[in-house]
């Protein structure tokens, strides 16, 4: 038995039908309130991309976040800001958003905090199923993908990112989570700073192989 074709079922590059746009690649992080987990994940992703690529535009990668019950216009939680500062990431200027259809339509990759968030995104339609994963699910799938099968960085980060999503979608169902909770990032809302920091460590650890696969560049020592 062989794995399914990694290129089947993913969009062809026209925004508004498949989520793909030709000039950029949008990564959308989703949690509940968009004041804790998804802001941490958004800003850690931006920080890691800048570290690997050294380009303020990250080669066309756009990183955003929203919440299924998003606190529209709200700042991120103070403990989330502290966690980002611990990693040297920039928490400034963040404004919470409620997840809208347009966010999903424009996203090339949606990474959610939990399986419930993933289900909510997929239920919105817009052919989101093959480009929506929990963060930890995507990390697990990315670890199984041979980097040599992805386009080289010389071909552009966007093409490499699209190929990575296709490959991960093809592997889903072949690499199942070891436990029901393995793909979850738990909500630290209202928790003390040490728990926020543990969630920050968890998110950062999950992001590292993803950003490495996207960019072809390992984190600096």
C-alpha atoms as a PDB file:
ATOM      1  CA  UNK A   1       0.000   0.000   0.000  1.00  0.00           C
ATOM      2  CA  UNK A   2       1.342   3.446  -0.883  1.00  0.00           C
ATOM      3  CA  UNK A   3       0.537   6.898   0.444  1.00  0.00           C
ATOM      4  CA  UNK A   4      -1.800   9.047  -1.636  1.00  0.00           C
ATOM      5  CA  UNK A   5      -0.513  11.595  -4.132  1.00  0.00           C
ATOM      6  CA  UNK A   6       0.772  14.595  -2.162  1.00  0.00           C
ATOM      7  CA  UNK A   7      -0.284  17.015  -4.849  1.00  0.00           C
ATOM      8  CA  UNK A   8      -3.915  16.006  -5.156  1.00  0.00           C
ATOM      9  CA  UNK A   9      -6.764  18.143  -3.908  1.00  0.00           C
ATOM     10  CA  UNK A  10      -4.905  21.379  -3.118  1.00  0.00           C
ATOM     11  CA  UNK A  11      -5.735  24.721  -4.732  1.00  0.00           C
ATOM     12  CA  UNK A  12      -4.220  26.071  -7.895  1.00  0.00           C
ATOM     13  CA  UNK A  13      -3.408  29.659  -7.046  1.00  0.00           C
ATOM     14  CA  UNK A  14      -6.530  31.813  -7.328  1.00  0.00           C
ATOM     15  CA  UNK A  15      -7.592  33.630  -4.177  1.00  0.00           C
ATOM     16  CA  UNK A  16     -11.277  33.239  -3.324  1.00  0.00           C
ATOM     17  CA  UNK A  17     -11.653  29.630  -4.471  1.00  0.00           C
ATOM     18  CA  UNK A  18      -8.864  27.646  -2.866  1.00  0.00           C
ATOM     19  CA  UNK A  19      -7.245  30.190  -0.559  1.00  0.00           C
ATOM     20  CA  UNK A  20      -4.039  30.410  -2.583  1.00  0.00           C
ATOM     21  CA  UNK A  21      -2.687  33.709  -3.885  1.00  0.00           C
ATOM     22  CA  UNK A  22       0.173  33.921  -6.341  1.00  0.00           C
ATOM     23  CA  UNK A  23       2.177  36.723  -4.728  1.00  0.00           C
ATOM     24  CA  UNK A  24       2.086  35.663  -1.102  1.00  0.00           C
ATOM     25  CA  UNK A  25       1.464  32.767   1.269  1.00  0.00           C
ATOM     26  CA  UNK A  26      -0.786  33.477   4.258  1.00  0.00           C
ATOM     27  CA  UNK A  27      -0.472  31.542   7.499  1.00  0.00           C
ATOM     28  CA  UNK A  28      -3.457  31.971   9.814  1.00  0.00           C
ATOM     29  CA  UNK A  29      -3.206  30.935  13.476  1.00  0.00           C
ATOM     30  CA  UNK A  30      -6.537  30.301  15.195  1.00  0.00           C
ATOM     31  CA  UNK A  31      -7.501  29.938  18.859  1.00  0.00           C
ATOM     32  CA  UNK A  32     -10.585  30.939  20.868  1.00  0.00           C
ATOM     33  CA  UNK A  33     -10.250  34.537  22.050  1.00  0.00           C
ATOM     34  CA  UNK A  34      -7.229  35.596  19.965  1.00  0.00           C
ATOM     35  CA  UNK A  35      -5.625  37.055  23.061  1.00  0.00           C
ATOM     36  CA  UNK A  36      -3.396  34.196  24.292  1.00  0.00           C
ATOM     37  CA  UNK A  37      -2.425  31.192  22.172  1.00  0.00           C
ATOM     38  CA  UNK A  38      -2.851  32.493  18.641  1.00  0.00           C
ATOM     39  CA  UNK A  39      -1.105  35.847  19.318  1.00  0.00           C
ATOM     40  CA  UNK A  40       1.818  33.961  20.872  1.00  0.00           C
ATOM     41  CA  UNK A  41       1.943  31.617  17.879  1.00  0.00           C
ATOM     42  CA  UNK A  42       1.614  34.453  15.352  1.00  0.00           C
ATOM     43  CA  UNK A  43       4.408  36.536  16.828  1.00  0.00           C
ATOM     44  CA  UNK A  44       6.718  33.558  17.477  1.00  0.00           C
ATOM     45  CA  UNK A  45       6.253  32.510  13.841  1.00  0.00           C
ATOM     46  CA  UNK A  46       7.135  36.003  12.627  1.00  0.00           C
ATOM     47  CA  UNK A  47      10.151  36.104  14.925  1.00  0.00           C
ATOM     48  CA  UNK A  48      11.386  32.709  13.736  1.00  0.00           C
ATOM     49  CA  UNK A  49      10.925  33.597  10.067  1.00  0.00           C
ATOM     50  CA  UNK A  50      12.871  36.831  10.493  1.00  0.00           C
ATOM     51  CA  UNK A  51      15.613  34.893  12.282  1.00  0.00           C
ATOM     52  CA  UNK A  52      15.886  32.319   9.481  1.00  0.00           C
ATOM     53  CA  UNK A  53      15.385  34.537   6.429  1.00  0.00           C
ATOM     54  CA  UNK A  54      16.568  37.943   7.597  1.00  0.00           C
ATOM     55  CA  UNK A  55      13.904  39.544   5.408  1.00  0.00           C
ATOM     56  CA  UNK A  56      11.230  41.784   6.930  1.00  0.00           C
ATOM     57  CA  UNK A  57       8.731  40.460   4.362  1.00  0.00           C
ATOM     58  CA  UNK A  58       9.866  36.846   4.843  1.00  0.00           C
ATOM     59  CA  UNK A  59       9.888  36.174   1.116  1.00  0.00           C
ATOM     60  CA  UNK A  60       6.134  36.730   0.753  1.00  0.00           C
ATOM     61  CA  UNK A  61       4.973  34.901   3.882  1.00  0.00           C
ATOM     62  CA  UNK A  62       2.194  36.706   5.761  1.00  0.00           C
ATOM     63  CA  UNK A  63       1.440  35.577   9.323  1.00  0.00           C
ATOM     64  CA  UNK A  64      -1.883  36.471  10.958  1.00  0.00           C
ATOM     65  CA  UNK A  65      -4.216  35.227  13.689  1.00  0.00           C
ATOM     66  CA  UNK A  66      -7.875  35.291  14.706  1.00  0.00           C
ATOM     67  CA  UNK A  67     -10.196  33.719  17.257  1.00  0.00           C
ATOM     68  CA  UNK A  68     -13.354  31.650  16.877  1.00  0.00           C
ATOM     69  CA  UNK A  69     -14.774  33.779  19.707  1.00  0.00           C
ATOM     70  CA  UNK A  70     -12.281  36.534  19.096  1.00  0.00           C
ATOM     71  CA  UNK A  71     -12.113  39.612  21.308  1.00  0.00           C
ATOM     72  CA  UNK A  72     -12.325  42.085  18.428  1.00  0.00           C
ATOM     73  CA  UNK A  73      -9.975  45.021  18.983  1.00  0.00           C
ATOM     74  CA  UNK A  74      -8.583  43.694  22.268  1.00  0.00           C
ATOM     75  CA  UNK A  75      -4.883  43.620  23.166  1.00  0.00           C
ATOM     76  CA  UNK A  76      -3.242  40.306  23.897  1.00  0.00           C
ATOM     77  CA  UNK A  77      -3.068  39.172  27.500  1.00  0.00           C
ATOM     78  CA  UNK A  78      -0.236  40.716  29.526  1.00  0.00           C
ATOM     79  CA  UNK A  79       1.185  37.271  30.318  1.00  0.00           C
ATOM     80  CA  UNK A  80       1.253  36.488  26.595  1.00  0.00           C
ATOM     81  CA  UNK A  81       3.265  39.667  26.021  1.00  0.00           C
ATOM     82  CA  UNK A  82       5.704  38.566  28.714  1.00  0.00           C
ATOM     83  CA  UNK A  83       6.120  35.156  27.100  1.00  0.00           C
ATOM     84  CA  UNK A  84       6.894  36.769  23.744  1.00  0.00           C
ATOM     85  CA  UNK A  85       9.437  39.059  25.372  1.00  0.00           C
ATOM     86  CA  UNK A  86      11.096  35.982  26.896  1.00  0.00           C
ATOM     87  CA  UNK A  87      11.740  34.731  23.350  1.00  0.00           C
ATOM     88  CA  UNK A  88      12.826  38.118  22.044  1.00  0.00           C
ATOM     89  CA  UNK A  89       9.666  38.381  19.904  1.00  0.00           C
ATOM     90  CA  UNK A  90       7.777  41.636  19.412  1.00  0.00           C
ATOM     91  CA  UNK A  91       4.308  41.799  21.041  1.00  0.00           C
ATOM     92  CA  UNK A  92       3.643  45.434  20.076  1.00  0.00           C
ATOM     93  CA  UNK A  93       0.706  46.616  18.022  1.00  0.00           C
ATOM     94  CA  UNK A  94      -1.350  43.461  18.356  1.00  0.00           C
ATOM     95  CA  UNK A  95      -5.145  43.771  17.996  1.00  0.00           C
ATOM     96  CA  UNK A  96      -7.499  40.822  18.504  1.00  0.00           C
ATOM     97  CA  UNK A  97      -9.788  39.693  15.671  1.00  0.00           C
ATOM     98  CA  UNK A  98     -12.868  37.515  15.376  1.00  0.00           C
ATOM     99  CA  UNK A  99     -12.450  34.785  12.774  1.00  0.00           C
ATOM    100  CA  UNK A 100     -14.291  35.704   9.585  1.00  0.00           C
ATOM    101  CA  UNK A 101     -14.945  33.912   6.333  1.00  0.00           C
ATOM    102  CA  UNK A 102     -12.519  36.209   4.541  1.00  0.00           C
ATOM    103  CA  UNK A 103      -9.674  35.171   6.832  1.00  0.00           C
ATOM    104  CA  UNK A 104     -10.224  31.533   5.916  1.00  0.00           C
ATOM    105  CA  UNK A 105     -10.714  32.257   2.221  1.00  0.00           C
ATOM    106  CA  UNK A 106      -7.398  34.107   1.990  1.00  0.00           C
ATOM    107  CA  UNK A 107      -5.362  31.685   4.109  1.00  0.00           C
ATOM    108  CA  UNK A 108      -3.024  29.214   2.427  1.00  0.00           C
ATOM    109  CA  UNK A 109      -2.376  27.396   5.702  1.00  0.00           C
ATOM    110  CA  UNK A 110      -4.526  27.478   8.841  1.00  0.00           C
ATOM    111  CA  UNK A 111      -2.946  26.238  12.075  1.00  0.00           C
ATOM    112  CA  UNK A 112      -5.266  25.916  15.051  1.00  0.00           C
ATOM    113  CA  UNK A 113      -4.668  25.455  18.768  1.00  0.00           C
ATOM    114  CA  UNK A 114      -7.067  22.505  19.122  1.00  0.00           C
ATOM    115  CA  UNK A 115      -9.066  19.971  17.136  1.00  0.00           C
ATOM    116  CA  UNK A 116     -12.276  21.850  17.977  1.00  0.00           C
ATOM    117  CA  UNK A 117     -10.842  24.990  16.383  1.00  0.00           C
ATOM    118  CA  UNK A 118      -9.837  22.975  13.338  1.00  0.00           C
ATOM    119  CA  UNK A 119     -13.363  21.583  13.048  1.00  0.00           C
ATOM    120  CA  UNK A 120     -14.857  25.069  13.309  1.00  0.00           C
ATOM    121  CA  UNK A 121     -12.598  26.399  10.551  1.00  0.00           C
ATOM    122  CA  UNK A 122     -13.421  23.472   8.277  1.00  0.00           C
ATOM    123  CA  UNK A 123     -17.150  23.878   8.971  1.00  0.00           C
ATOM    124  CA  UNK A 124     -16.933  27.383   7.508  1.00  0.00           C
ATOM    125  CA  UNK A 125     -16.341  25.803   4.107  1.00  0.00           C
ATOM    126  CA  UNK A 126     -14.183  27.556   1.499  1.00  0.00           C
ATOM    127  CA  UNK A 127     -12.364  24.280   0.694  1.00  0.00           C
ATOM    128  CA  UNK A 128     -10.440  24.719   3.942  1.00  0.00           C
ATOM    129  CA  UNK A 129     -10.144  21.058   4.896  1.00  0.00           C
ATOM    130  CA  UNK A 130      -6.887  20.242   3.142  1.00  0.00           C
ATOM    131  CA  UNK A 131      -5.100  23.369   4.385  1.00  0.00           C
ATOM    132  CA  UNK A 132      -6.293  23.371   8.004  1.00  0.00           C
ATOM    133  CA  UNK A 133      -4.424  21.488  10.733  1.00  0.00           C
ATOM    134  CA  UNK A 134      -3.840  21.818  14.421  1.00  0.00           C
ATOM    135  CA  UNK A 135      -0.369  23.219  15.020  1.00  0.00           C
ATOM    136  CA  UNK A 136       0.869  20.020  16.645  1.00  0.00           C
ATOM    137  CA  UNK A 137      -0.725  17.865  13.948  1.00  0.00           C
ATOM    138  CA  UNK A 138       1.076  19.867  11.277  1.00  0.00           C
ATOM    139  CA  UNK A 139       4.342  19.555  13.200  1.00  0.00           C
ATOM    140  CA  UNK A 140       3.966  15.777  13.355  1.00  0.00           C
ATOM    141  CA  UNK A 141       3.286  15.547   9.629  1.00  0.00           C
ATOM    142  CA  UNK A 142       6.111  17.937   8.724  1.00  0.00           C
ATOM    143  CA  UNK A 143       8.602  15.837  10.683  1.00  0.00           C
ATOM    144  CA  UNK A 144       7.751  12.906   8.392  1.00  0.00           C
ATOM    145  CA  UNK A 145       8.361  14.827   5.154  1.00  0.00           C
ATOM    146  CA  UNK A 146      11.766  14.483   3.501  1.00  0.00           C
ATOM    147  CA  UNK A 147      13.061  18.052   2.973  1.00  0.00           C
ATOM    148  CA  UNK A 148      14.749  16.872  -0.223  1.00  0.00           C
ATOM    149  CA  UNK A 149      11.291  16.382  -1.780  1.00  0.00           C
ATOM    150  CA  UNK A 150      10.429  20.082  -1.316  1.00  0.00           C
ATOM    151  CA  UNK A 151      11.389  22.836  -3.766  1.00  0.00           C
ATOM    152  CA  UNK A 152      14.735  24.456  -2.872  1.00  0.00           C
ATOM    153  CA  UNK A 153      14.711  27.888  -1.278  1.00  0.00           C
ATOM    154  CA  UNK A 154      16.097  29.264  -4.550  1.00  0.00           C
ATOM    155  CA  UNK A 155      12.670  28.588  -6.093  1.00  0.00           C
ATOM    156  CA  UNK A 156      11.088  30.882  -3.511  1.00  0.00           C
ATOM    157  CA  UNK A 157       9.608  30.403  -0.060  1.00  0.00           C
ATOM    158  CA  UNK A 158       6.060  30.542  -1.429  1.00  0.00           C
ATOM    159  CA  UNK A 159       6.469  27.535  -3.706  1.00  0.00           C
ATOM    160  CA  UNK A 160       8.193  25.626  -0.925  1.00  0.00           C
ATOM    161  CA  UNK A 161       5.378  26.465   1.508  1.00  0.00           C
ATOM    162  CA  UNK A 162       2.682  25.329  -0.933  1.00  0.00           C
ATOM    163  CA  UNK A 163       4.496  22.049  -1.529  1.00  0.00           C
ATOM    164  CA  UNK A 164       4.797  21.516   2.224  1.00  0.00           C
ATOM    165  CA  UNK A 165       1.041  21.910   2.714  1.00  0.00           C
ATOM    166  CA  UNK A 166       0.325  19.477  -0.130  1.00  0.00           C
ATOM    167  CA  UNK A 167       2.688  16.899   1.340  1.00  0.00           C
ATOM    168  CA  UNK A 168       1.254  17.263   4.853  1.00  0.00           C
ATOM    169  CA  UNK A 169      -2.326  16.939   3.587  1.00  0.00           C
ATOM    170  CA  UNK A 170      -1.399  13.736   1.778  1.00  0.00           C
ATOM    171  CA  UNK A 171       0.067  12.231   4.964  1.00  0.00           C
ATOM    172  CA  UNK A 172      -2.838  13.058   7.265  1.00  0.00           C
ATOM    173  CA  UNK A 173      -4.633   9.824   8.101  1.00  0.00           C
ATOM    174  CA  UNK A 174      -1.392   7.878   7.653  1.00  0.00           C
ATOM    175  CA  UNK A 175       0.286   9.417  10.706  1.00  0.00           C
ATOM    176  CA  UNK A 176      -2.263   9.505  13.499  1.00  0.00           C
ATOM    177  CA  UNK A 177      -1.821  11.222  16.863  1.00  0.00           C
ATOM    178  CA  UNK A 178      -0.553   8.852  19.574  1.00  0.00           C
ATOM    179  CA  UNK A 179      -3.188  10.116  22.039  1.00  0.00           C
ATOM    180  CA  UNK A 180      -6.387  12.160  21.871  1.00  0.00           C
ATOM    181  CA  UNK A 181      -4.656  15.138  23.480  1.00  0.00           C
ATOM    182  CA  UNK A 182      -1.407  15.034  21.509  1.00  0.00           C
ATOM    183  CA  UNK A 183      -2.611  17.604  18.972  1.00  0.00           C
ATOM    184  CA  UNK A 184      -3.945  20.094  21.540  1.00  0.00           C
ATOM    185  CA  UNK A 185      -2.461  23.311  22.893  1.00  0.00           C
ATOM    186  CA  UNK A 186      -4.396  24.035  26.074  1.00  0.00           C
ATOM    187  CA  UNK A 187      -5.808  27.466  26.878  1.00  0.00           C
ATOM    188  CA  UNK A 188      -3.797  29.468  29.438  1.00  0.00           C
ATOM    189  CA  UNK A 189      -6.395  32.244  29.675  1.00  0.00           C
ATOM    190  CA  UNK A 190      -6.569  33.438  33.294  1.00  0.00           C
ATOM    191  CA  UNK A 191      -3.677  31.206  34.348  1.00  0.00           C
ATOM    192  CA  UNK A 192      -0.546  32.419  36.165  1.00  0.00           C
ATOM    193  CA  UNK A 193       2.599  33.333  34.263  1.00  0.00           C
ATOM    194  CA  UNK A 194       4.392  29.978  34.781  1.00  0.00           C
ATOM    195  CA  UNK A 195       1.598  28.180  32.906  1.00  0.00           C
ATOM    196  CA  UNK A 196       1.712  30.780  30.144  1.00  0.00           C
ATOM    197  CA  UNK A 197       5.461  30.175  29.867  1.00  0.00           C
ATOM    198  CA  UNK A 198       4.932  26.419  29.622  1.00  0.00           C
ATOM    199  CA  UNK A 199       2.435  26.992  26.797  1.00  0.00           C
ATOM    200  CA  UNK A 200       4.907  29.347  25.114  1.00  0.00           C
ATOM    201  CA  UNK A 201       7.604  26.669  25.282  1.00  0.00           C
ATOM    202  CA  UNK A 202       5.159  24.135  23.858  1.00  0.00           C
ATOM    203  CA  UNK A 203       4.218  26.394  20.951  1.00  0.00           C
ATOM    204  CA  UNK A 204       7.831  27.338  20.230  1.00  0.00           C
ATOM    205  CA  UNK A 205       8.873  23.685  20.177  1.00  0.00           C
ATOM    206  CA  UNK A 206       6.046  22.842  17.759  1.00  0.00           C
ATOM    207  CA  UNK A 207       6.881  25.774  15.492  1.00  0.00           C
ATOM    208  CA  UNK A 208      10.600  25.036  15.136  1.00  0.00           C
ATOM    209  CA  UNK A 209      10.361  22.111  12.656  1.00  0.00           C
ATOM    210  CA  UNK A 210       7.572  23.896  10.764  1.00  0.00           C
ATOM    211  CA  UNK A 211       9.613  27.050  10.201  1.00  0.00           C
ATOM    212  CA  UNK A 212      12.673  24.966   9.341  1.00  0.00           C
ATOM    213  CA  UNK A 213      10.675  23.087   6.713  1.00  0.00           C
ATOM    214  CA  UNK A 214       9.158  26.289   5.334  1.00  0.00           C
ATOM    215  CA  UNK A 215      12.464  28.087   4.971  1.00  0.00           C
ATOM    216  CA  UNK A 216      14.982  25.294   4.589  1.00  0.00           C
ATOM    217  CA  UNK A 217      17.011  27.031   7.301  1.00  0.00           C
ATOM    218  CA  UNK A 218      17.591  25.765  10.834  1.00  0.00           C
ATOM    219  CA  UNK A 219      17.349  28.018  13.875  1.00  0.00           C
ATOM    220  CA  UNK A 220      20.491  29.825  14.845  1.00  0.00           C
ATOM    221  CA  UNK A 221      22.328  28.344  17.791  1.00  0.00           C
END
